[in-house]
Amino acid sequence: LDYGYLYPGVVVNYVGRNFFVGAGVVLPVVYGGGDTSSGNPAPKFNIGYIHDHLMLTAYIIMYTENDDYWGFPHFNYIGGTVGYRF
């Protein structure tokens, strides 16, 4: 792959009995072609469900650049994860 994206960041979660909700900030970084660039910090929100060792998470990362078309809130990343909790 010539190009890639990374989103390092910090998220703080409130964990209840079978669920969790959280918020934080990530820094979008694009790399490739011998160059690396980063964008503005972006807010990240998540919500999830815990059952025994299984964790399901849904999240949204809100793009916060200030150009005309791609500006907030027109362009967001929405995703989900499935994990195992030790």
PDB file of N, CA and C in Angstrom:
ATOM      1  N   LEU A   1       0.835  -1.179   0.000  1.00  0.00           N
ATOM      2  CA  LEU A   1       0.000   0.000   0.000  1.00  0.00           C
ATOM      3  C   LEU A   1       0.881   1.244   0.000  1.00  0.00           C
ATOM      4  N   ASP A   2       0.537   2.181  -0.832  1.00  0.00           N
ATOM      5  CA  ASP A   2       1.317   3.411  -0.923  1.00  0.00           C
ATOM      6  C   ASP A   2       0.973   4.413   0.171  1.00  0.00           C
ATOM      7  N   TYR A   3      -0.297   4.457   0.574  1.00  0.00           N
ATOM      8  CA  TYR A   3      -0.750   5.432   1.552  1.00  0.00           C
ATOM      9  C   TYR A   3      -1.523   4.733   2.661  1.00  0.00           C
ATOM     10  N   GLY A   4      -1.583   5.368   3.815  1.00  0.00           N
ATOM     11  CA  GLY A   4      -2.354   4.820   4.919  1.00  0.00           C
ATOM     12  C   GLY A   4      -2.753   5.913   5.896  1.00  0.00           C
ATOM     13  N   TYR A   5      -3.712   5.589   6.755  1.00  0.00           N
ATOM     14  CA  TYR A   5      -4.199   6.517   7.763  1.00  0.00           C
ATOM     15  C   TYR A   5      -4.024   5.895   9.140  1.00  0.00           C
ATOM     16  N   LEU A   6      -3.660   6.706  10.110  1.00  0.00           N
ATOM     17  CA  LEU A   6      -3.600   6.310  11.512  1.00  0.00           C
ATOM     18  C   LEU A   6      -4.417   7.313  12.314  1.00  0.00           C
ATOM     19  N   TYR A   7      -5.031   6.851  13.380  1.00  0.00           N
ATOM     20  CA  TYR A   7      -5.805   7.713  14.262  1.00  0.00           C
ATOM     21  C   TYR A   7      -5.412   7.462  15.715  1.00  0.00           C
ATOM     22  N   PRO A   8      -4.183   7.823  16.128  1.00  0.00           N
ATOM     23  CA  PRO A   8      -3.828   7.666  17.538  1.00  0.00           C
ATOM     24  C   PRO A   8      -4.624   8.656  18.383  1.00  0.00           C
ATOM     25  N   GLY A   9      -4.970   8.254  19.603  1.00  0.00           N
ATOM     26  CA  GLY A   9      -5.732   9.159  20.446  1.00  0.00           C
ATOM     27  C   GLY A   9      -5.971   8.615  21.827  1.00  0.00           C
ATOM     28  N   VAL A  10      -6.813   9.302  22.562  1.00  0.00           N
ATOM     29  CA  VAL A  10      -7.178   8.948  23.929  1.00  0.00           C
ATOM     30  C   VAL A  10      -8.693   8.970  24.033  1.00  0.00           C
ATOM     31  N   VAL A  11      -9.257   7.902  24.613  1.00  0.00           N
ATOM     32  CA  VAL A  11     -10.696   7.818  24.844  1.00  0.00           C
ATOM     33  C   VAL A  11     -10.905   7.398  26.293  1.00  0.00           C
ATOM     34  N   VAL A  12     -11.804   8.094  26.982  1.00  0.00           N
ATOM     35  CA  VAL A  12     -12.151   7.763  28.362  1.00  0.00           C
ATOM     36  C   VAL A  12     -13.552   7.166  28.344  1.00  0.00           C
ATOM     37  N   ASN A  13     -13.713   5.989  28.973  1.00  0.00           N
ATOM     38  CA  ASN A  13     -14.991   5.285  28.988  1.00  0.00           C
ATOM     39  C   ASN A  13     -15.573   5.242  30.393  1.00  0.00           C
ATOM     40  N   TYR A  14     -16.888   5.334  30.476  1.00  0.00           N
ATOM     41  CA  TYR A  14     -17.630   5.006  31.687  1.00  0.00           C
ATOM     42  C   TYR A  14     -18.153   3.594  31.486  1.00  0.00           C
ATOM     43  N   VAL A  15     -17.822   2.697  32.414  1.00  0.00           N
ATOM     44  CA  VAL A  15     -18.208   1.294  32.278  1.00  0.00           C
ATOM     45  C   VAL A  15     -19.278   0.976  33.312  1.00  0.00           C
ATOM     46  N   GLY A  16     -20.441   0.561  32.824  1.00  0.00           N
ATOM     47  CA  GLY A  16     -21.518   0.089  33.687  1.00  0.00           C
ATOM     48  C   GLY A  16     -21.440  -1.425  33.786  1.00  0.00           C
ATOM     49  N   ARG A  17     -22.511  -2.047  34.141  1.00  0.00           N
ATOM     50  CA  ARG A  17     -22.505  -3.504  34.301  1.00  0.00           C
ATOM     51  C   ARG A  17     -22.325  -4.224  32.964  1.00  0.00           C
ATOM     52  N   ASN A  18     -23.149  -3.920  31.980  1.00  0.00           N
ATOM     53  CA  ASN A  18     -23.076  -4.586  30.676  1.00  0.00           C
ATOM     54  C   ASN A  18     -22.894  -3.617  29.511  1.00  0.00           C
ATOM     55  N   PHE A  19     -22.522  -2.385  29.789  1.00  0.00           N
ATOM     56  CA  PHE A  19     -22.376  -1.410  28.707  1.00  0.00           C
ATOM     57  C   PHE A  19     -21.251  -0.439  29.055  1.00  0.00           C
ATOM     58  N   PHE A  20     -20.841   0.335  28.059  1.00  0.00           N
ATOM     59  CA  PHE A  20     -19.912   1.428  28.288  1.00  0.00           C
ATOM     60  C   PHE A  20     -20.157   2.519  27.258  1.00  0.00           C
ATOM     61  N   VAL A  21     -19.856   3.740  27.642  1.00  0.00           N
ATOM     62  CA  VAL A  21     -19.927   4.897  26.751  1.00  0.00           C
ATOM     63  C   VAL A  21     -18.658   5.700  26.971  1.00  0.00           C
ATOM     64  N   GLY A  22     -18.200   6.362  25.927  1.00  0.00           N
ATOM     65  CA  GLY A  22     -16.965   7.113  26.075  1.00  0.00           C
ATOM     66  C   GLY A  22     -16.824   8.207  25.049  1.00  0.00           C
ATOM     67  N   ALA A  23     -15.844   9.047  25.305  1.00  0.00           N
ATOM     68  CA  ALA A  23     -15.524  10.146  24.404  1.00  0.00           C
ATOM     69  C   ALA A  23     -14.038  10.448  24.529  1.00  0.00           C
ATOM     70  N   GLY A  24     -13.510  11.019  23.471  1.00  0.00           N
ATOM     71  CA  GLY A  24     -12.096  11.369  23.494  1.00  0.00           C
ATOM     72  C   GLY A  24     -11.717  12.141  22.254  1.00  0.00           C
ATOM     73  N   VAL A  25     -10.428  12.126  21.966  1.00  0.00           N
ATOM     74  CA  VAL A  25      -9.915  12.862  20.821  1.00  0.00           C
ATOM     75  C   VAL A  25      -8.859  12.012  20.115  1.00  0.00           C
ATOM     76  N   VAL A  26      -8.865  12.067  18.776  1.00  0.00           N
ATOM     77  CA  VAL A  26      -7.871  11.372  17.957  1.00  0.00           C
ATOM     78  C   VAL A  26      -7.211  12.382  17.032  1.00  0.00           C
ATOM     79  N   LEU A  27      -6.030  12.044  16.559  1.00  0.00           N
ATOM     80  CA  LEU A  27      -5.287  12.907  15.639  1.00  0.00           C
ATOM     81  C   LEU A  27      -5.127  12.174  14.311  1.00  0.00           C
ATOM     82  N   PRO A  28      -5.823  12.604  13.252  1.00  0.00           N
ATOM     83  CA  PRO A  28      -5.695  11.930  11.962  1.00  0.00           C
ATOM     84  C   PRO A  28      -4.305  12.162  11.357  1.00  0.00           C
ATOM     85  N   VAL A  29      -3.648  11.068  10.982  1.00  0.00           N
ATOM     86  CA  VAL A  29      -2.319  11.123  10.384  1.00  0.00           C
ATOM     87  C   VAL A  29      -2.359  10.317   9.088  1.00  0.00           C
ATOM     88  N   VAL A  30      -1.901  10.897   7.984  1.00  0.00           N
ATOM     89  CA  VAL A  30      -1.796  10.195   6.710  1.00  0.00           C
ATOM     90  C   VAL A  30      -0.313  10.073   6.371  1.00  0.00           C
ATOM     91  N   TYR A  31       0.058   8.900   5.872  1.00  0.00           N
ATOM     92  CA  TYR A  31       1.455   8.670   5.514  1.00  0.00           C
ATOM     93  C   TYR A  31       1.512   7.987   4.159  1.00  0.00           C
ATOM     94  N   GLY A  32       2.639   8.154   3.494  1.00  0.00           N
ATOM     95  CA  GLY A  32       2.845   7.503   2.209  1.00  0.00           C
ATOM     96  C   GLY A  32       3.548   8.408   1.234  1.00  0.00           C
ATOM     97  N   GLY A  33       4.152   7.797   0.247  1.00  0.00           N
ATOM     98  CA  GLY A  33       4.862   8.550  -0.772  1.00  0.00           C
ATOM     99  C   GLY A  33       6.033   9.336  -0.218  1.00  0.00           C
ATOM    100  N   GLY A  34       6.606   8.876   0.885  1.00  0.00           N
ATOM    101  CA  GLY A  34       7.731   9.568   1.496  1.00  0.00           C
ATOM    102  C   GLY A  34       7.351  10.791   2.307  1.00  0.00           C
ATOM    103  N   ASP A  35       6.061  10.984   2.589  1.00  0.00           N
ATOM    104  CA  ASP A  35       5.604  12.165   3.311  1.00  0.00           C
ATOM    105  C   ASP A  35       4.623  11.743   4.400  1.00  0.00           C
ATOM    106  N   THR A  36       4.563  12.531   5.457  1.00  0.00           N
ATOM    107  CA  THR A  36       3.612  12.322   6.547  1.00  0.00           C
ATOM    108  C   THR A  36       2.957  13.650   6.866  1.00  0.00           C
ATOM    109  N   SER A  37       1.643  13.616   7.090  1.00  0.00           N
ATOM    110  CA  SER A  37       0.903  14.825   7.389  1.00  0.00           C
ATOM    111  C   SER A  37      -0.164  14.520   8.427  1.00  0.00           C
ATOM    112  N   SER A  38      -0.533  15.515   9.227  1.00  0.00           N
ATOM    113  CA  SER A  38      -1.608  15.312  10.207  1.00  0.00           C
ATOM    114  C   SER A  38      -2.646  16.416  10.052  1.00  0.00           C
ATOM    115  N   GLY A  39      -3.860  16.099  10.471  1.00  0.00           N
ATOM    116  CA  GLY A  39      -4.958  17.056  10.408  1.00  0.00           C
ATOM    117  C   GLY A  39      -5.248  17.627  11.782  1.00  0.00           C
ATOM    118  N   ASN A  40      -6.394  18.248  11.910  1.00  0.00           N
ATOM    119  CA  ASN A  40      -6.834  18.782  13.196  1.00  0.00           C
ATOM    120  C   ASN A  40      -7.261  17.638  14.112  1.00  0.00           C
ATOM    121  N   PRO A  41      -7.124  17.798  15.441  1.00  0.00           N
ATOM    122  CA  PRO A  41      -7.660  16.788  16.350  1.00  0.00           C
ATOM    123  C   PRO A  41      -9.162  16.619  16.112  1.00  0.00           C
ATOM    124  N   ALA A  42      -9.638  15.385  16.190  1.00  0.00           N
ATOM    125  CA  ALA A  42     -11.033  15.083  15.902  1.00  0.00           C
ATOM    126  C   ALA A  42     -11.684  14.393  17.097  1.00  0.00           C
ATOM    127  N   PRO A  43     -12.906  14.778  17.464  1.00  0.00           N
ATOM    128  CA  PRO A  43     -13.593  14.108  18.563  1.00  0.00           C
ATOM    129  C   PRO A  43     -14.034  12.705  18.157  1.00  0.00           C
ATOM    130  N   LYS A  44     -13.982  11.788  19.129  1.00  0.00           N
ATOM    131  CA  LYS A  44     -14.431  10.406  18.920  1.00  0.00           C
ATOM    132  C   LYS A  44     -15.395  10.053  20.037  1.00  0.00           C
ATOM    133  N   PHE A  45     -16.527   9.443  19.678  1.00  0.00           N
ATOM    134  CA  PHE A  45     -17.525   9.002  20.639  1.00  0.00           C
ATOM    135  C   PHE A  45     -17.784   7.519  20.401  1.00  0.00           C
ATOM    136  N   ASN A  46     -17.987   6.767  21.496  1.00  0.00           N
ATOM    137  CA  ASN A  46     -18.287   5.354  21.331  1.00  0.00           C
ATOM    138  C   ASN A  46     -19.311   4.901  22.355  1.00  0.00           C
ATOM    139  N   ILE A  47     -19.943   3.775  22.026  1.00  0.00           N
ATOM    140  CA  ILE A  47     -20.886   3.110  22.914  1.00  0.00           C
ATOM    141  C   ILE A  47     -20.695   1.617  22.694  1.00  0.00           C
ATOM    142  N   GLY A  48     -20.837   0.849  23.752  1.00  0.00           N
ATOM    143  CA  GLY A  48     -20.586  -0.569  23.589  1.00  0.00           C
ATOM    144  C   GLY A  48     -21.360  -1.435  24.555  1.00  0.00           C
ATOM    145  N   TYR A  49     -21.296  -2.732  24.296  1.00  0.00           N
ATOM    146  CA  TYR A  49     -21.982  -3.750  25.078  1.00  0.00           C
ATOM    147  C   TYR A  49     -20.968  -4.804  25.501  1.00  0.00           C
ATOM    148  N   ILE A  50     -21.047  -5.244  26.758  1.00  0.00           N
ATOM    149  CA  ILE A  50     -20.145  -6.262  27.288  1.00  0.00           C
ATOM    150  C   ILE A  50     -20.974  -7.467  27.712  1.00  0.00           C
ATOM    151  N   HIS A  51     -20.587  -8.658  27.249  1.00  0.00           N
ATOM    152  CA  HIS A  51     -21.225  -9.901  27.670  1.00  0.00           C
ATOM    153  C   HIS A  51     -20.116 -10.919  27.925  1.00  0.00           C
ATOM    154  N   ASP A  52     -19.935 -11.289  29.185  1.00  0.00           N
ATOM    155  CA  ASP A  52     -18.830 -12.157  29.603  1.00  0.00           C
ATOM    156  C   ASP A  52     -17.507 -11.595  29.075  1.00  0.00           C
ATOM    157  N   HIS A  53     -16.893 -12.254  28.109  1.00  0.00           N
ATOM    158  CA  HIS A  53     -15.618 -11.785  27.569  1.00  0.00           C
ATOM    159  C   HIS A  53     -15.763 -11.090  26.215  1.00  0.00           C
ATOM    160  N   LEU A  54     -16.962 -11.026  25.671  1.00  0.00           N
ATOM    161  CA  LEU A  54     -17.215 -10.413  24.374  1.00  0.00           C
ATOM    162  C   LEU A  54     -17.519  -8.931  24.533  1.00  0.00           C
ATOM    163  N   MET A  55     -16.896  -8.100  23.697  1.00  0.00           N
ATOM    164  CA  MET A  55     -17.157  -6.654  23.692  1.00  0.00           C
ATOM    165  C   MET A  55     -17.547  -6.217  22.279  1.00  0.00           C
ATOM    166  N   LEU A  56     -18.657  -5.527  22.149  1.00  0.00           N
ATOM    167  CA  LEU A  56     -19.101  -4.946  20.881  1.00  0.00           C
ATOM    168  C   LEU A  56     -19.090  -3.432  21.030  1.00  0.00           C
ATOM    169  N   THR A  57     -18.506  -2.739  20.071  1.00  0.00           N
ATOM    170  CA  THR A  57     -18.383  -1.286  20.154  1.00  0.00           C
ATOM    171  C   THR A  57     -18.810  -0.643  18.837  1.00  0.00           C
ATOM    172  N   ALA A  58     -19.554   0.443  18.926  1.00  0.00           N
ATOM    173  CA  ALA A  58     -19.865   1.297  17.773  1.00  0.00           C
ATOM    174  C   ALA A  58     -19.257   2.665  18.056  1.00  0.00           C
ATOM    175  N   TYR A  59     -18.659   3.294  17.048  1.00  0.00           N
ATOM    176  CA  TYR A  59     -18.008   4.573  17.268  1.00  0.00           C
ATOM    177  C   TYR A  59     -18.200   5.500  16.084  1.00  0.00           C
ATOM    178  N   ILE A  60     -17.966   6.791  16.336  1.00  0.00           N
ATOM    179  CA  ILE A  60     -17.973   7.808  15.292  1.00  0.00           C
ATOM    180  C   ILE A  60     -16.791   8.740  15.550  1.00  0.00           C
ATOM    181  N   ILE A  61     -16.054   9.048  14.489  1.00  0.00           N
ATOM    182  CA  ILE A  61     -14.980  10.033  14.529  1.00  0.00           C
ATOM    183  C   ILE A  61     -15.427  11.182  13.626  1.00  0.00           C
ATOM    184  N   MET A  62     -15.494  12.376  14.186  1.00  0.00           N
ATOM    185  CA  MET A  62     -15.996  13.529  13.447  1.00  0.00           C
ATOM    186  C   MET A  62     -14.848  14.323  12.843  1.00  0.00           C
ATOM    187  N   TYR A  63     -14.877  14.458  11.544  1.00  0.00           N
ATOM    188  CA  TYR A  63     -13.860  15.183  10.791  1.00  0.00           C
ATOM    189  C   TYR A  63     -14.031  16.676  11.040  1.00  0.00           C
ATOM    190  N   THR A  64     -12.951  17.377  11.378  1.00  0.00           N
ATOM    191  CA  THR A  64     -13.076  18.775  11.796  1.00  0.00           C
ATOM    192  C   THR A  64     -12.272  19.748  10.940  1.00  0.00           C
ATOM    193  N   GLU A  65     -11.911  19.375   9.725  1.00  0.00           N
ATOM    194  CA  GLU A  65     -11.190  20.312   8.856  1.00  0.00           C
ATOM    195  C   GLU A  65     -12.147  21.411   8.402  1.00  0.00           C
ATOM    196  N   ASN A  66     -11.612  22.533   7.963  1.00  0.00           N
ATOM    197  CA  ASN A  66     -12.435  23.712   7.678  1.00  0.00           C
ATOM    198  C   ASN A  66     -12.547  24.082   6.207  1.00  0.00           C
ATOM    199  N   ASP A  67     -12.521  23.123   5.293  1.00  0.00           N
ATOM    200  CA  ASP A  67     -12.735  23.495   3.899  1.00  0.00           C
ATOM    201  C   ASP A  67     -14.221  23.387   3.562  1.00  0.00           C
ATOM    202  N   ASP A  68     -14.604  23.781   2.353  1.00  0.00           N
ATOM    203  CA  ASP A  68     -16.022  23.903   2.012  1.00  0.00           C
ATOM    204  C   ASP A  68     -16.782  22.585   2.065  1.00  0.00           C
ATOM    205  N   TYR A  69     -16.410  21.617   1.246  1.00  0.00           N
ATOM    206  CA  TYR A  69     -17.211  20.398   1.149  1.00  0.00           C
ATOM    207  C   TYR A  69     -16.945  19.430   2.286  1.00  0.00           C
ATOM    208  N   TRP A  70     -15.670  19.238   2.659  1.00  0.00           N
ATOM    209  CA  TRP A  70     -15.304  18.198   3.623  1.00  0.00           C
ATOM    210  C   TRP A  70     -15.415  18.661   5.068  1.00  0.00           C
ATOM    211  N   GLY A  71     -15.880  19.865   5.304  1.00  0.00           N
ATOM    212  CA  GLY A  71     -15.939  20.420   6.649  1.00  0.00           C
ATOM    213  C   GLY A  71     -16.958  19.724   7.546  1.00  0.00           C
ATOM    214  N   PHE A  72     -16.838  19.987   8.812  1.00  0.00           N
ATOM    215  CA  PHE A  72     -17.724  19.430   9.831  1.00  0.00           C
ATOM    216  C   PHE A  72     -19.143  19.884   9.569  1.00  0.00           C
ATOM    217  N   PRO A  73     -20.179  19.097   9.659  1.00  0.00           N
ATOM    218  CA  PRO A  73     -20.203  17.666   9.959  1.00  0.00           C
ATOM    219  C   PRO A  73     -20.432  16.800   8.725  1.00  0.00           C
ATOM    220  N   HIS A  74     -19.989  17.211   7.554  1.00  0.00           N
ATOM    221  CA  HIS A  74     -20.281  16.493   6.315  1.00  0.00           C
ATOM    222  C   HIS A  74     -19.536  15.167   6.183  1.00  0.00           C
ATOM    223  N   PHE A  75     -18.397  15.022   6.816  1.00  0.00           N
ATOM    224  CA  PHE A  75     -17.546  13.861   6.581  1.00  0.00           C
ATOM    225  C   PHE A  75     -17.171  13.245   7.926  1.00  0.00           C
ATOM    226  N   ASN A  76     -17.738  12.094   8.239  1.00  0.00           N
ATOM    227  CA  ASN A  76     -17.472  11.408   9.499  1.00  0.00           C
ATOM    228  C   ASN A  76     -17.120   9.954   9.233  1.00  0.00           C
ATOM    229  N   TYR A  77     -16.334   9.379  10.129  1.00  0.00           N
ATOM    230  CA  TYR A  77     -16.047   7.948  10.078  1.00  0.00           C
ATOM    231  C   TYR A  77     -16.929   7.253  11.102  1.00  0.00           C
ATOM    232  N   ILE A  78     -17.656   6.246  10.661  1.00  0.00           N
ATOM    233  CA  ILE A  78     -18.504   5.456  11.553  1.00  0.00           C
ATOM    234  C   ILE A  78     -18.018   4.019  11.441  1.00  0.00           C
ATOM    235  N   GLY A  79     -17.873   3.354  12.585  1.00  0.00           N
ATOM    236  CA  GLY A  79     -17.361   1.991  12.550  1.00  0.00           C
ATOM    237  C   GLY A  79     -17.788   1.192  13.760  1.00  0.00           C
ATOM    238  N   GLY A  80     -17.299  -0.026  13.793  1.00  0.00           N
ATOM    239  CA  GLY A  80     -17.599  -0.913  14.901  1.00  0.00           C
ATOM    240  C   GLY A  80     -16.452  -1.890  15.111  1.00  0.00           C
ATOM    241  N   THR A  81     -16.382  -2.430  16.308  1.00  0.00           N
ATOM    242  CA  THR A  81     -15.362  -3.421  16.626  1.00  0.00           C
ATOM    243  C   THR A  81     -15.986  -4.551  17.432  1.00  0.00           C
ATOM    244  N   VAL A  82     -15.373  -5.704  17.320  1.00  0.00           N
ATOM    245  CA  VAL A  82     -15.701  -6.860  18.144  1.00  0.00           C
ATOM    246  C   VAL A  82     -14.404  -7.260  18.833  1.00  0.00           C
ATOM    247  N   GLY A  83     -14.463  -7.425  20.165  1.00  0.00           N
ATOM    248  CA  GLY A  83     -13.236  -7.725  20.895  1.00  0.00           C
ATOM    249  C   GLY A  83     -13.440  -8.786  21.952  1.00  0.00           C
ATOM    250  N   TYR A  84     -12.336  -9.248  22.498  1.00  0.00           N
ATOM    251  CA  TYR A  84     -12.331 -10.236  23.565  1.00  0.00           C
ATOM    252  C   TYR A  84     -11.707  -9.583  24.793  1.00  0.00           C
ATOM    253  N   ARG A  85     -12.385  -9.670  25.906  1.00  0.00           N
ATOM    254  CA  ARG A  85     -11.922  -9.050  27.150  1.00  0.00           C
ATOM    255  C   ARG A  85     -11.343 -10.125  28.066  1.00  0.00           C
ATOM    256  N   PHE A  86     -10.103  -9.933  28.484  1.00  0.00           N
ATOM    257  CA  PHE A  86      -9.451 -10.906  29.370  1.00  0.00           C
ATOM    258  C   PHE A  86      -9.845 -10.693  30.809  1.00  0.00           C
TER     259      PHE A  86
END
